[in-house]
Amino acid sequence: MKHIFLALLGLLTLSVQAQNNFKVPKYEKFKLKNGLTVYLMEQHEVPLINVSAVFDAGSIHDGEKYGLASLTADALTFGTQKYTKEQIEEITDYVGANLNTGAGKESANIGMSFAVKDQDKMLDILQQVLMYPVFNETEYAKHKQRTLLELTQQKESPRAVIGNYFNQLVFDKHPYATPSGGTRPTVEKIGTADVKEFYRTNYTTDRAAIAVVGDFNTAAMKKKITSMFGGWKTAPGRMIKRSAPDLSFDKSRVLLVNKGDARETTFLIGGRGVDYNNPDYVPILVVNTILGGRFTSWLNDALRVNSGLTYGAGSRFSRLKHGGTFYISTFTKNSTTVPAIDMALGVLDSLHRTGLNEEILASAKAYVKGDFPPEYESAGALARLLTDMFIYGFDESYINTFQSKVDGLTVAQANDIIKRYFPREHLQFVLIGKADEIRDQVKKYGAVTERDIKEPGF
């Protein structure tokens, strides 16, 4: 029994050491003659292959047609030159594979996972979806109607739309302000001609990447990918210079979104955050874990555990390529809106006033280190990591130095991070609730602008 215990202890020690020394596995990166960037990473633990493809075709290219990037990404699977939508779904389901498409603010994404034995069949579908979509009119019309219904239904869930209101408030006229999913008035006007033109203009090989991770031979997969996509000719990518959003606020503002039947108030409080490649993001993440990044965070303790004002409260840094936001988020009963906001602000203020000590910082560092490696344990996560590296312009050093950056963070450095990156002046407030019950009370937080959740738009 003693020997068994020692053996298990040894395995546990090795596992902890492996986590603490996590590095991005070896991969090969190359570029096809048409400009398409390809990443290949062998992972032989399970007989699966995962693919992630990205294009510079996010909602920042929507212009006034909010939702266009999202609708285009969705419509990639509505039939191709070789397969109908039904055939794509039947083949994929029959072999137990997964295929998904979507678009965020920065990029359009196509993900696929399948068994090694089905790779020829599924890679053929991938090629068809990427290179030869037909954007079937009937299928698009049905999907558009479902999208419009979903946009209407979202209005019943403040937590589903409050981020859109917050982005509009803080990003103002920058493309980051627009809702990636669109609005009813804009989606209603988007037809298949718009989708086809968006695809033609933005799905270009010189601003795209494909990552393949899984159980394969690199040389053989390189030959296969080159054969499939090397002859793909697209329009040249548009070089649009993006400026960073101006998030320097000189006063606090309150956007009050009236939902007449609301029994609770949902709110975000925040301001300037950091862009995706900020060199201090790892220590920022550690500090935010303490404030609102885990269940035992100060915000959750104060607003949920100790006061019972909500079922959950947290804080987050939302990062984009050219900028980002910080916000505290929670919800509470109409009658406790102001106490909840005051408490959240008090917790943020105490972070600045008292700072951190060795014990608190050590706990957060252990949590972050333990939570980090599992994010990249699967082949699918690694494939997405590689294409994220392409879109956001970082390399594996972010991952490879993560543990050492956490370990090296001192109390003095952490307290400096608080002063530099956690805003507490000129905060921006977005509240969705019953305006008649909270209007007068929330004026103390800043100049109030009102909207109604039933208004067109988001």
Protein backbone atom coordinates (compact mmCIF):
# COMPACT_ATOMS: atom_id res chain seq x y z
CA MET A 1 0.00 0.00 0.00
CA LYS A 2 2.85 2.36 0.83
CA HIS A 3 4.44 1.75 -2.57
CA ILE A 4 1.12 2.46 -4.32
CA PHE A 5 0.75 5.71 -2.36
CA LEU A 6 4.28 6.81 -3.27
CA ALA A 7 3.65 5.98 -6.92
CA LEU A 8 0.45 8.03 -6.96
CA LEU A 9 2.23 10.88 -5.20
CA GLY A 10 4.95 10.75 -7.83
CA LEU A 11 2.41 10.90 -10.66
CA LEU A 12 0.68 13.84 -9.00
CA THR A 13 4.00 15.65 -8.63
CA LEU A 14 4.82 15.06 -12.28
CA SER A 15 1.37 16.35 -13.27
CA VAL A 16 1.85 19.55 -11.25
CA GLN A 17 5.32 20.02 -12.70
CA ALA A 18 3.92 19.53 -16.21
CA GLN A 19 1.30 22.19 -15.55
CA ASN A 20 3.88 24.60 -14.19
CA ASN A 21 6.07 24.05 -17.25
CA PHE A 22 3.35 24.18 -19.89
CA LYS A 23 4.61 25.27 -23.30
CA VAL A 24 2.98 25.50 -26.71
CA PRO A 25 3.68 22.17 -28.44
CA LYS A 26 5.90 22.17 -31.52
CA TYR A 27 4.20 23.23 -34.74
CA GLU A 28 5.05 24.14 -38.32
CA LYS A 29 4.00 27.41 -39.91
CA PHE A 30 4.16 28.17 -43.62
CA LYS A 31 2.49 30.35 -46.21
CA LEU A 32 1.02 29.27 -49.54
CA LYS A 33 1.73 31.24 -52.72
CA ASN A 34 -1.70 32.87 -52.50
CA GLY A 35 -0.84 34.27 -49.06
CA LEU A 36 -2.82 31.81 -46.94
CA THR A 37 -1.01 31.12 -43.67
CA VAL A 38 -1.06 27.50 -42.45
CA TYR A 39 -0.23 26.05 -39.02
CA LEU A 40 0.23 22.30 -38.50
CA MET A 41 0.61 20.72 -35.07
CA GLU A 42 0.79 16.96 -34.50
CA GLN A 43 -1.04 15.64 -31.44
CA HIS A 44 -1.24 11.84 -31.31
CA GLU A 45 -3.00 11.33 -27.97
CA VAL A 46 -6.42 10.70 -29.57
CA PRO A 47 -7.36 9.82 -33.19
CA LEU A 48 -8.97 13.19 -33.89
CA ILE A 49 -8.18 16.20 -36.05
CA ASN A 50 -9.28 19.77 -35.32
CA VAL A 51 -9.27 22.63 -37.79
CA SER A 52 -9.61 26.35 -37.12
CA ALA A 53 -9.79 28.84 -39.99
CA VAL A 54 -9.93 32.62 -39.60
CA PHE A 55 -10.46 35.53 -41.96
CA ASP A 56 -10.18 39.27 -41.52
CA ALA A 57 -13.95 39.41 -41.90
CA GLY A 58 -15.30 40.51 -38.54
CA SER A 59 -18.03 43.02 -37.77
CA ILE A 60 -15.59 45.93 -37.86
CA HIS A 61 -16.18 45.66 -41.63
CA ASP A 62 -19.98 45.88 -41.33
CA GLY A 63 -20.19 49.62 -41.92
CA GLU A 64 -23.82 50.61 -41.38
CA LYS A 65 -25.04 47.08 -42.13
CA TYR A 66 -24.75 45.74 -38.59
CA GLY A 67 -24.86 41.96 -38.55
CA LEU A 68 -23.48 41.49 -42.07
CA ALA A 69 -20.30 39.72 -40.99
CA SER A 70 -22.26 37.39 -38.72
CA LEU A 71 -24.85 36.54 -41.38
CA THR A 72 -22.11 35.89 -43.96
CA ALA A 73 -20.28 33.50 -41.64
CA ASP A 74 -23.51 31.66 -40.84
CA ALA A 75 -24.41 31.37 -44.53
CA LEU A 76 -21.16 29.63 -45.49
CA THR A 77 -22.83 26.30 -44.68
CA PHE A 78 -26.08 26.98 -46.56
CA GLY A 79 -24.89 24.94 -49.52
CA THR A 80 -21.86 24.79 -51.81
CA GLN A 81 -21.18 23.93 -55.43
CA LYS A 82 -20.94 20.26 -54.42
CA TYR A 83 -23.17 19.86 -51.36
CA THR A 84 -26.55 21.14 -50.23
CA LYS A 85 -27.03 22.38 -46.68
CA GLU A 86 -28.82 19.11 -45.83
CA GLN A 87 -25.99 17.00 -47.24
CA ILE A 88 -23.39 18.92 -45.24
CA GLU A 89 -25.40 18.35 -42.06
CA GLU A 90 -26.11 14.68 -42.82
CA ILE A 91 -22.48 13.80 -43.58
CA THR A 92 -21.19 15.70 -40.58
CA ASP A 93 -23.71 14.18 -38.18
CA TYR A 94 -23.29 10.67 -39.57
CA VAL A 95 -19.57 10.54 -38.78
CA GLY A 96 -19.93 12.36 -35.46
CA ALA A 97 -17.99 15.41 -36.64
CA ASN A 98 -18.54 19.05 -35.73
CA LEU A 99 -18.67 22.07 -38.02
CA ASN A 100 -19.36 25.59 -36.84
CA THR A 101 -19.01 29.09 -38.23
CA GLY A 102 -19.35 32.55 -36.75
CA ALA A 103 -18.00 36.06 -36.67
CA GLY A 104 -16.90 38.39 -33.90
CA LYS A 105 -15.66 41.95 -34.01
CA GLU A 106 -12.19 41.16 -35.36
CA SER A 107 -12.60 38.01 -37.48
CA ALA A 108 -14.79 35.33 -39.00
CA ASN A 109 -14.12 31.82 -37.71
CA ILE A 110 -14.72 28.32 -39.04
CA GLY A 111 -14.12 25.36 -36.74
CA MET A 112 -14.21 21.65 -37.47
CA SER A 113 -13.37 18.44 -35.61
CA PHE A 114 -13.52 14.87 -36.90
CA ALA A 115 -12.05 11.40 -36.55
CA VAL A 116 -8.84 10.65 -38.44
CA LYS A 117 -10.60 8.00 -40.51
CA ASP A 118 -13.03 10.63 -41.84
CA GLN A 119 -10.47 13.28 -42.74
CA ASP A 120 -10.79 13.03 -46.54
CA LYS A 121 -14.57 13.42 -46.37
CA MET A 122 -14.52 16.27 -43.87
CA LEU A 123 -11.64 18.17 -45.44
CA ASP A 124 -13.55 18.05 -48.70
CA ILE A 125 -16.52 19.67 -46.98
CA LEU A 126 -14.21 22.25 -45.42
CA GLN A 127 -12.79 23.13 -48.83
CA GLN A 128 -16.29 23.48 -50.27
CA VAL A 129 -17.52 25.67 -47.40
CA LEU A 130 -14.52 27.98 -47.58
CA MET A 131 -14.01 28.19 -51.35
CA TYR A 132 -17.36 27.44 -52.99
CA PRO A 133 -20.32 28.62 -50.88
CA VAL A 134 -23.42 29.45 -52.93
CA PHE A 135 -25.37 31.31 -50.22
CA ASN A 136 -28.63 29.57 -51.07
CA GLU A 137 -31.44 32.12 -51.18
CA THR A 138 -34.08 29.90 -49.56
CA GLU A 139 -31.85 28.80 -46.70
CA TYR A 140 -30.66 32.35 -46.15
CA ALA A 141 -34.23 33.67 -45.96
CA LYS A 142 -35.14 31.08 -43.30
CA HIS A 143 -32.02 31.85 -41.29
CA LYS A 144 -32.63 35.58 -41.51
CA GLN A 145 -36.13 35.16 -40.10
CA ARG A 146 -34.74 33.10 -37.22
CA THR A 147 -32.13 35.77 -36.59
CA LEU A 148 -34.76 38.50 -36.47
CA LEU A 149 -36.80 36.45 -33.99
CA GLU A 150 -33.71 35.91 -31.82
CA LEU A 151 -32.93 39.63 -31.85
CA THR A 152 -36.46 40.30 -30.62
CA GLN A 153 -36.22 37.64 -27.92
CA GLN A 154 -32.89 39.00 -26.69
CA LYS A 155 -34.67 42.15 -25.58
CA GLU A 156 -36.34 40.05 -22.87
CA SER A 157 -32.94 39.21 -21.38
CA PRO A 158 -30.99 42.29 -20.32
CA ARG A 159 -27.84 40.22 -19.79
CA ALA A 160 -27.94 39.23 -23.47
CA VAL A 161 -27.90 42.82 -24.74
CA ILE A 162 -26.29 44.98 -22.06
CA GLY A 163 -22.85 44.46 -23.58
CA ASN A 164 -24.06 46.05 -26.82
CA TYR A 165 -25.29 49.14 -24.97
CA PHE A 166 -22.03 49.35 -23.03
CA ASN A 167 -19.91 49.10 -26.19
CA GLN A 168 -21.98 51.79 -27.85
CA LEU A 169 -21.52 54.09 -24.87
CA VAL A 170 -17.76 53.69 -24.45
CA PHE A 171 -16.60 53.14 -28.06
CA ASP A 172 -18.94 55.77 -29.51
CA LYS A 173 -18.17 56.13 -33.26
CA HIS A 174 -15.42 53.50 -33.40
CA PRO A 175 -16.31 50.25 -35.25
CA TYR A 176 -16.05 48.38 -31.94
CA ALA A 177 -19.26 50.15 -30.87
CA THR A 178 -21.47 48.27 -33.30
CA PRO A 179 -23.29 45.05 -32.31
CA SER A 180 -21.75 42.03 -34.05
CA GLY A 181 -25.09 40.23 -34.17
CA GLY A 182 -26.83 43.18 -35.79
CA THR A 183 -30.13 44.87 -35.01
CA ARG A 184 -33.58 44.21 -36.39
CA PRO A 185 -33.61 47.31 -38.64
CA THR A 186 -30.20 46.51 -40.15
CA VAL A 187 -30.63 42.75 -40.49
CA GLU A 188 -33.98 43.22 -42.22
CA LYS A 189 -32.19 45.09 -45.01
CA ILE A 190 -29.34 42.60 -45.56
CA GLY A 191 -29.92 40.31 -48.54
CA THR A 192 -27.90 37.56 -50.19
CA ALA A 193 -26.33 40.09 -52.57
CA ASP A 194 -24.84 41.89 -49.54
CA VAL A 195 -23.60 38.59 -48.11
CA LYS A 196 -22.00 37.52 -51.39
CA GLU A 197 -20.22 40.85 -51.77
CA PHE A 198 -18.99 40.76 -48.16
CA TYR A 199 -17.62 37.26 -48.76
CA ARG A 200 -15.92 38.30 -52.00
CA THR A 201 -14.35 41.37 -50.42
CA ASN A 202 -13.29 40.05 -47.01
CA TYR A 203 -12.68 36.32 -47.32
CA THR A 204 -9.26 36.76 -48.91
CA THR A 205 -6.37 34.32 -48.64
CA ASP A 206 -3.73 36.94 -47.91
CA ARG A 207 -5.51 37.90 -44.68
CA ALA A 208 -6.50 34.40 -43.54
CA ALA A 209 -5.05 31.42 -41.71
CA ILE A 210 -5.87 27.74 -41.24
CA ALA A 211 -4.61 25.70 -38.29
CA VAL A 212 -4.77 21.90 -38.28
CA VAL A 213 -4.07 20.12 -34.99
CA GLY A 214 -4.33 16.41 -34.28
CA ASP A 215 -3.34 12.89 -35.21
CA PHE A 216 -1.62 13.19 -38.60
CA ASN A 217 1.78 13.24 -40.26
CA THR A 218 2.94 16.81 -40.83
CA ALA A 219 4.55 16.18 -44.21
CA ALA A 220 1.47 14.38 -45.53
CA MET A 221 -0.93 17.02 -44.16
CA LYS A 222 1.18 19.83 -45.58
CA LYS A 223 0.95 18.23 -49.02
CA LYS A 224 -2.82 17.77 -48.65
CA ILE A 225 -3.53 21.34 -47.48
CA THR A 226 -1.31 22.79 -50.20
CA SER A 227 -3.12 20.75 -52.84
CA MET A 228 -6.55 21.76 -51.55
CA PHE A 229 -6.02 25.48 -50.98
CA GLY A 230 -2.90 26.41 -52.93
CA GLY A 231 -4.85 27.21 -56.09
CA TRP A 232 -7.50 29.29 -54.33
CA LYS A 233 -7.62 32.74 -55.91
CA THR A 234 -9.46 35.52 -54.12
CA ALA A 235 -9.64 39.28 -54.29
CA PRO A 236 -6.65 41.03 -52.69
CA GLY A 237 -7.16 41.87 -49.06
CA ARG A 238 -8.06 45.45 -48.19
CA MET A 239 -5.45 47.17 -46.05
CA ILE A 240 -7.59 49.25 -43.71
CA LYS A 241 -5.64 51.09 -41.05
CA ARG A 242 -7.46 50.90 -37.75
CA SER A 243 -6.94 53.49 -35.04
CA ALA A 244 -7.24 52.83 -31.35
CA PRO A 245 -10.54 53.94 -29.80
CA ASP A 246 -10.45 57.01 -27.59
CA LEU A 247 -11.44 55.81 -24.13
CA SER A 248 -10.29 58.85 -22.18
CA PHE A 249 -13.41 59.99 -20.36
CA ASP A 250 -13.56 63.35 -18.58
CA LYS A 251 -16.74 62.64 -16.66
CA SER A 252 -18.95 59.82 -15.46
CA ARG A 253 -22.03 59.04 -17.54
CA VAL A 254 -25.10 56.90 -16.97
CA LEU A 255 -27.03 55.19 -19.77
CA LEU A 256 -30.36 54.11 -18.33
CA VAL A 257 -32.21 51.65 -20.55
CA ASN A 258 -35.83 51.37 -19.51
CA LYS A 259 -37.43 47.93 -19.42
CA GLY A 260 -40.88 48.66 -18.09
CA ASP A 261 -41.62 45.16 -16.81
CA ALA A 262 -38.22 44.59 -15.19
CA ARG A 263 -38.16 43.34 -11.62
CA GLU A 264 -34.42 43.70 -11.36
CA THR A 265 -31.67 46.00 -12.61
CA THR A 266 -28.77 44.64 -14.62
CA PHE A 267 -25.73 46.89 -14.74
CA LEU A 268 -22.19 47.28 -16.02
CA ILE A 269 -19.73 49.78 -14.56
CA GLY A 270 -16.42 50.35 -16.26
CA GLY A 271 -14.14 52.24 -18.58
CA ARG A 272 -10.83 51.92 -20.36
CA GLY A 273 -9.25 48.47 -20.44
CA VAL A 274 -6.28 47.12 -22.40
CA ASP A 275 -5.69 45.87 -25.92
CA TYR A 276 -4.93 42.24 -26.72
CA ASN A 277 -1.16 42.59 -26.67
CA ASN A 278 -0.71 44.72 -23.59
CA PRO A 279 2.52 43.45 -21.98
CA ASP A 280 0.98 43.68 -18.50
CA TYR A 281 -2.03 41.49 -19.22
CA VAL A 282 -0.82 38.53 -17.14
CA PRO A 283 -0.45 40.56 -13.90
CA ILE A 284 -3.72 42.34 -14.75
CA LEU A 285 -5.38 38.92 -14.95
CA VAL A 286 -3.99 37.93 -11.56
CA VAL A 287 -5.23 41.11 -9.89
CA ASN A 288 -8.63 40.87 -11.56
CA THR A 289 -8.97 37.33 -10.22
CA ILE A 290 -8.99 38.88 -6.76
CA LEU A 291 -11.43 41.65 -7.61
CA GLY A 292 -13.98 39.72 -9.66
CA GLY A 293 -12.48 36.87 -11.64
CA ARG A 294 -13.47 33.87 -9.52
CA PHE A 295 -16.27 32.73 -7.25
CA THR A 296 -14.33 33.75 -4.12
CA SER A 297 -13.56 37.21 -5.51
CA TRP A 298 -14.06 40.34 -3.46
CA LEU A 299 -17.01 41.44 -5.58
CA ASN A 300 -18.82 38.13 -5.33
CA ASP A 301 -18.12 37.88 -1.61
CA ALA A 302 -19.49 41.35 -1.00
CA LEU A 303 -22.54 41.33 -3.26
CA ARG A 304 -23.56 37.68 -3.08
CA VAL A 305 -22.10 35.89 -0.08
CA ASN A 306 -22.14 38.63 2.54
CA SER A 307 -25.12 40.79 1.52
CA GLY A 308 -27.30 38.58 -0.67
CA LEU A 309 -27.86 41.42 -3.13
CA THR A 310 -27.27 39.20 -6.18
CA TYR A 311 -26.60 35.65 -7.29
CA GLY A 312 -23.27 36.61 -8.78
CA ALA A 313 -20.94 39.55 -9.42
CA GLY A 314 -17.66 39.81 -11.27
CA SER A 315 -15.27 41.94 -13.27
CA ARG A 316 -13.55 41.47 -16.59
CA PHE A 317 -11.08 42.96 -19.05
CA SER A 318 -12.51 42.50 -22.54
CA ARG A 319 -9.61 42.73 -25.01
CA LEU A 320 -9.65 43.56 -28.70
CA LYS A 321 -6.80 44.17 -31.13
CA HIS A 322 -6.73 47.96 -30.82
CA GLY A 323 -8.27 48.54 -27.41
CA GLY A 324 -10.45 47.09 -24.71
CA THR A 325 -12.68 47.71 -21.74
CA PHE A 326 -12.84 46.94 -18.06
CA TYR A 327 -16.18 46.43 -16.37
CA ILE A 328 -17.91 45.21 -13.24
CA SER A 329 -21.14 43.34 -13.90
CA THR A 330 -24.04 42.08 -11.83
CA PHE A 331 -27.82 42.34 -11.34
CA THR A 332 -30.08 42.96 -8.38
CA LYS A 333 -33.69 43.69 -7.37
CA ASN A 334 -35.07 47.09 -8.37
CA SER A 335 -35.24 48.13 -4.73
CA THR A 336 -31.57 47.34 -4.11
CA THR A 337 -30.12 48.90 -7.26
CA VAL A 338 -28.33 51.76 -5.53
CA PRO A 339 -27.03 49.69 -2.58
CA ALA A 340 -25.62 47.15 -5.04
CA ILE A 341 -23.94 49.81 -7.18
CA ASP A 342 -22.56 51.54 -4.10
CA MET A 343 -21.20 48.27 -2.78
CA ALA A 344 -19.55 47.43 -6.11
CA LEU A 345 -17.94 50.86 -6.20
CA GLY A 346 -16.84 50.42 -2.61
CA VAL A 347 -15.11 47.15 -3.42
CA LEU A 348 -13.31 48.75 -6.36
CA ASP A 349 -12.30 51.66 -4.14
CA SER A 350 -10.97 49.32 -1.45
CA LEU A 351 -8.80 47.61 -4.05
CA HIS A 352 -7.14 50.98 -4.62
CA ARG A 353 -7.07 52.11 -0.99
CA THR A 354 -5.82 48.94 0.70
CA GLY A 355 -4.10 47.15 -2.16
CA LEU A 356 -2.97 43.56 -1.85
CA ASN A 357 -0.77 41.65 0.56
CA GLU A 358 1.38 38.53 0.14
CA GLU A 359 -1.31 36.09 1.27
CA ILE A 360 -4.01 37.45 -1.04
CA LEU A 361 -1.64 37.63 -4.00
CA ALA A 362 -0.33 34.09 -3.41
CA SER A 363 -3.87 32.71 -3.46
CA ALA A 364 -4.67 34.45 -6.74
CA LYS A 365 -1.41 33.33 -8.34
CA ALA A 366 -2.10 29.71 -7.41
CA TYR A 367 -5.62 29.94 -8.84
CA VAL A 368 -4.49 31.48 -12.12
CA LYS A 369 -1.68 28.97 -12.57
CA GLY A 370 -4.01 26.06 -11.90
CA ASP A 371 -6.64 27.38 -14.27
CA PHE A 372 -4.27 28.19 -17.11
CA PRO A 373 -3.01 24.89 -18.64
CA PRO A 374 -6.44 23.24 -18.99
CA GLU A 375 -7.44 26.03 -21.37
CA TYR A 376 -5.04 24.56 -23.92
CA GLU A 377 -5.24 20.84 -23.23
CA SER A 378 -7.46 19.94 -26.19
CA ALA A 379 -6.50 19.92 -29.86
CA GLY A 380 -9.41 22.22 -30.60
CA ALA A 381 -8.16 24.80 -28.11
CA LEU A 382 -4.67 24.63 -29.58
CA ALA A 383 -6.02 25.11 -33.10
CA ARG A 384 -7.91 28.21 -31.96
CA LEU A 385 -4.80 29.45 -30.16
CA LEU A 386 -2.79 29.28 -33.38
CA THR A 387 -5.37 31.23 -35.36
CA ASP A 388 -5.71 33.75 -32.50
CA MET A 389 -1.96 34.26 -32.79
CA PHE A 390 -2.49 35.12 -36.44
CA ILE A 391 -5.42 37.51 -35.90
CA TYR A 392 -4.02 39.34 -32.88
CA GLY A 393 -0.35 39.26 -33.82
CA PHE A 394 1.20 37.54 -30.83
CA ASP A 395 3.38 34.45 -30.64
CA GLU A 396 3.85 31.49 -28.34
CA SER A 397 5.95 33.50 -25.89
CA TYR A 398 2.68 34.69 -24.31
CA ILE A 399 1.89 31.09 -23.37
CA ASN A 400 5.44 29.95 -22.73
CA THR A 401 6.18 32.78 -20.29
CA PHE A 402 2.76 32.83 -18.61
CA GLN A 403 3.74 30.78 -15.56
CA SER A 404 6.97 32.69 -14.96
CA LYS A 405 5.17 36.03 -15.23
CA VAL A 406 2.65 34.88 -12.63
CA ASP A 407 5.39 33.58 -10.34
CA GLY A 408 7.43 36.76 -10.70
CA LEU A 409 4.61 39.15 -9.80
CA THR A 410 5.35 40.95 -6.52
CA VAL A 411 2.98 42.76 -4.18
CA ALA A 412 4.53 46.10 -5.14
CA GLN A 413 4.06 45.36 -8.85
CA ALA A 414 0.48 44.19 -8.30
CA ASN A 415 -0.41 47.37 -6.44
CA ASP A 416 1.11 49.40 -9.26
CA ILE A 417 -1.03 47.43 -11.74
CA ILE A 418 -4.12 48.44 -9.76
CA LYS A 419 -3.26 52.14 -10.03
CA ARG A 420 -2.46 51.95 -13.74
CA TYR A 421 -5.21 49.72 -15.12
CA PHE A 422 -8.21 49.54 -12.80
CA PRO A 423 -10.23 52.74 -13.39
CA ARG A 424 -12.14 54.30 -10.54
CA GLU A 425 -12.72 57.86 -11.81
CA HIS A 426 -15.00 58.99 -14.65
CA LEU A 427 -16.66 55.58 -14.74
CA GLN A 428 -19.28 54.73 -17.34
CA PHE A 429 -22.55 53.15 -16.14
CA VAL A 430 -25.09 51.16 -18.14
CA LEU A 431 -28.25 50.10 -16.32
CA ILE A 432 -31.16 48.12 -17.73
CA GLY A 433 -34.18 48.21 -15.45
CA LYS A 434 -37.46 49.89 -14.64
CA ALA A 435 -36.55 53.54 -15.13
CA ASP A 436 -39.45 54.95 -13.09
CA GLU A 437 -38.17 53.19 -9.97
CA ILE A 438 -34.48 54.06 -10.25
CA ARG A 439 -34.20 57.21 -12.40
CA ASP A 440 -33.91 59.76 -9.62
CA GLN A 441 -31.65 57.58 -7.49
CA VAL A 442 -28.98 56.96 -10.13
CA LYS A 443 -28.48 60.61 -11.06
CA LYS A 444 -25.78 60.82 -8.41
CA TYR A 445 -23.49 58.62 -10.54
CA GLY A 446 -23.36 61.01 -13.52
CA ALA A 447 -25.32 62.68 -16.28
CA VAL A 448 -28.18 60.36 -17.24
CA THR A 449 -29.22 59.51 -20.79
CA GLU A 450 -32.32 57.38 -21.24
CA ARG A 451 -33.36 54.88 -23.88
CA ASP A 452 -36.12 52.32 -24.01
CA ILE A 453 -35.25 48.69 -24.65
CA LYS A 454 -38.12 48.48 -27.16
CA GLU A 455 -36.57 51.17 -29.36
CA PRO A 456 -35.19 50.01 -32.72
CA GLY A 457 -31.58 48.96 -32.50
CA PHE A 458 -30.03 47.30 -29.52
